[in-house]
């Protein structure tokens, strides 16, 4: 077992730098996309004045109402299907959330080669496992329930 130090490793610094840049990028995009939405620069799927009427609904009921009243798709909008509607202000707001959610995967991908190079196979394998698990979870291939 290695001795504990108070100094960060190269991998820890790389992870932190990527996380910081990803967080600021996501936050800036969140502010921009929300401004486009609330100031009416882009048209939303659901008119801004109608949004609050959907807040009390369950997710399923909301998806049915969204599809019935606005989208008129063959299937309910689930998973990554929102990407089709990035031209609408309310769906564009999902993009920074996806970036913020995915930055951890990028961080683990970036540090994995360094972990292997310095011979820390256990941490490298955990980083690889983390990338695989998070990517599978984000892909929608792993589902629970119906």
Protein backbone atom coordinates (compact mmCIF):
# COMPACT_ATOMS: atom_id res chain seq x y z
CA UNK A 1 0.00 0.00 0.00
CA UNK A 2 1.33 3.42 -0.89
CA UNK A 3 1.97 6.10 1.67
CA UNK A 4 -0.75 8.74 2.02
CA UNK A 5 0.27 12.22 0.91
CA UNK A 6 -1.41 15.58 0.94
CA UNK A 7 -0.44 16.26 -2.68
CA UNK A 8 -2.78 15.44 -5.52
CA UNK A 9 -1.68 12.97 -8.18
CA UNK A 10 -1.51 13.92 -11.86
CA UNK A 11 -4.69 11.92 -12.42
CA UNK A 12 -6.53 13.71 -9.63
CA UNK A 13 -5.53 17.09 -11.04
CA UNK A 14 -6.53 16.06 -14.57
CA UNK A 15 -9.90 14.79 -13.29
CA UNK A 16 -10.47 18.04 -11.35
CA UNK A 17 -9.50 20.24 -14.32
CA UNK A 18 -11.82 18.42 -16.72
CA UNK A 19 -14.62 18.41 -14.15
CA UNK A 20 -14.20 22.15 -13.59
CA UNK A 21 -14.27 22.95 -17.32
CA UNK A 22 -17.25 20.65 -17.86
CA UNK A 23 -19.11 22.15 -14.92
CA UNK A 24 -18.54 25.73 -16.08
CA UNK A 25 -19.47 24.82 -19.67
CA UNK A 26 -22.67 23.13 -18.50
CA UNK A 27 -23.53 26.00 -16.17
CA UNK A 28 -22.92 28.64 -18.85
CA UNK A 29 -25.01 26.69 -21.35
CA UNK A 30 -27.74 26.28 -18.74
CA UNK A 31 -27.92 30.04 -18.28
CA UNK A 32 -27.92 30.69 -22.04
CA UNK A 33 -30.51 28.03 -22.92
CA UNK A 34 -32.77 29.09 -20.05
CA UNK A 35 -32.54 32.73 -21.18
CA UNK A 36 -33.46 31.69 -24.73
CA UNK A 37 -36.47 29.91 -23.25
CA UNK A 38 -37.82 32.48 -20.80
CA UNK A 39 -37.23 35.50 -23.06
CA UNK A 40 -39.00 33.82 -25.96
CA UNK A 41 -36.04 33.90 -28.33
CA UNK A 42 -36.86 30.31 -29.30
CA UNK A 43 -40.29 28.73 -29.42
CA UNK A 44 -40.94 26.00 -26.82
CA UNK A 45 -43.03 22.88 -27.33
CA UNK A 46 -45.16 23.72 -24.29
CA UNK A 47 -46.08 27.42 -24.06
CA UNK A 48 -44.45 29.00 -21.02
CA UNK A 49 -47.80 30.01 -19.51
CA UNK A 50 -49.00 26.37 -19.62
CA UNK A 51 -45.94 24.77 -17.96
CA UNK A 52 -47.20 25.05 -14.38
CA UNK A 53 -50.36 23.08 -15.20
CA UNK A 54 -48.20 19.99 -15.74
CA UNK A 55 -46.15 20.20 -12.52
CA UNK A 56 -48.49 18.09 -10.39
CA UNK A 57 -48.66 15.19 -12.85
CA UNK A 58 -46.77 11.94 -12.64
CA UNK A 59 -44.02 11.47 -15.22
CA UNK A 60 -46.15 9.06 -17.24
CA UNK A 61 -49.19 11.35 -17.23
CA UNK A 62 -46.97 14.29 -18.20
CA UNK A 63 -45.46 12.33 -21.11
CA UNK A 64 -48.92 11.31 -22.31
CA UNK A 65 -50.18 14.90 -22.09
CA UNK A 66 -47.05 16.22 -23.81
CA UNK A 67 -47.47 13.76 -26.64
CA UNK A 68 -51.25 14.19 -26.94
CA UNK A 69 -51.32 17.98 -26.76
CA UNK A 70 -48.08 19.02 -28.47
CA UNK A 71 -45.79 16.40 -30.02
CA UNK A 72 -48.19 13.93 -31.65
CA UNK A 73 -45.51 11.22 -31.87
CA UNK A 74 -46.15 7.49 -32.35
CA UNK A 75 -44.46 6.75 -29.01
CA UNK A 76 -44.01 8.60 -25.74
CA UNK A 77 -40.88 10.73 -25.52
CA UNK A 78 -38.41 8.75 -23.40
CA UNK A 79 -34.67 8.23 -23.24
CA UNK A 80 -32.65 10.26 -25.72
CA UNK A 81 -35.65 11.00 -27.95
CA UNK A 82 -35.55 14.62 -26.75
CA UNK A 83 -32.58 15.19 -29.09
CA UNK A 84 -35.04 15.40 -32.02
CA UNK A 85 -36.50 18.53 -30.43
CA UNK A 86 -33.33 20.53 -29.73
CA UNK A 87 -34.75 23.27 -31.93
CA UNK A 88 -37.40 23.92 -29.28
CA UNK A 89 -36.46 26.09 -26.31
CA UNK A 90 -37.78 23.80 -23.58
CA UNK A 91 -35.92 20.77 -24.95
CA UNK A 92 -32.73 22.72 -25.60
CA UNK A 93 -32.53 23.11 -21.81
CA UNK A 94 -31.82 19.36 -21.56
CA UNK A 95 -28.49 19.73 -23.39
CA UNK A 96 -26.54 21.34 -20.52
CA UNK A 97 -28.02 18.78 -18.11
CA UNK A 98 -26.71 16.00 -20.37
CA UNK A 99 -23.30 17.69 -20.49
CA UNK A 100 -23.18 18.02 -16.72
CA UNK A 101 -24.23 14.40 -16.36
CA UNK A 102 -21.69 13.13 -18.87
CA UNK A 103 -18.62 15.04 -17.75
CA UNK A 104 -17.79 12.35 -15.19
CA UNK A 105 -17.45 9.79 -17.98
CA UNK A 106 -14.99 12.08 -19.77
CA UNK A 107 -13.02 12.54 -16.54
CA UNK A 108 -12.66 8.78 -16.01
CA UNK A 109 -11.72 8.23 -19.65
CA UNK A 110 -9.00 10.88 -19.36
CA UNK A 111 -7.35 9.49 -16.22
CA UNK A 112 -7.44 5.80 -17.15
CA UNK A 113 -4.28 5.74 -19.33
CA UNK A 114 -2.26 7.48 -16.59
CA UNK A 115 -3.46 4.98 -14.00
CA UNK A 116 -2.34 2.09 -16.20
CA UNK A 117 1.01 3.81 -16.94
CA UNK A 118 1.87 4.19 -13.27
CA UNK A 119 0.87 0.59 -12.58
CA UNK A 120 -2.23 1.29 -10.50
CA UNK A 121 -4.20 -1.50 -12.18
CA UNK A 122 -6.92 -1.69 -9.53
CA UNK A 123 -7.82 1.99 -9.86
CA UNK A 124 -7.51 1.82 -13.66
CA UNK A 125 -9.89 -1.14 -13.83
CA UNK A 126 -12.33 0.65 -11.52
CA UNK A 127 -12.17 3.71 -13.80
CA UNK A 128 -12.85 1.52 -16.85
CA UNK A 129 -15.75 -0.15 -15.01
CA UNK A 130 -17.12 3.27 -14.08
CA UNK A 131 -16.99 4.40 -17.72
CA UNK A 132 -18.75 1.23 -18.89
CA UNK A 133 -21.46 1.40 -16.21
CA UNK A 134 -22.15 5.12 -16.65
CA UNK A 135 -22.16 4.82 -20.44
CA UNK A 136 -24.55 1.87 -20.35
CA UNK A 137 -26.80 3.70 -17.89
CA UNK A 138 -26.82 6.84 -20.05
CA UNK A 139 -27.47 4.85 -23.21
CA UNK A 140 -30.76 3.50 -21.92
CA UNK A 141 -29.71 -0.08 -22.67
CA UNK A 142 -29.99 -0.95 -18.99
CA UNK A 143 -33.53 -0.54 -17.78
CA UNK A 144 -35.42 -1.55 -14.67
CA UNK A 145 -39.15 -2.12 -14.55
CA UNK A 146 -41.29 -1.92 -17.65
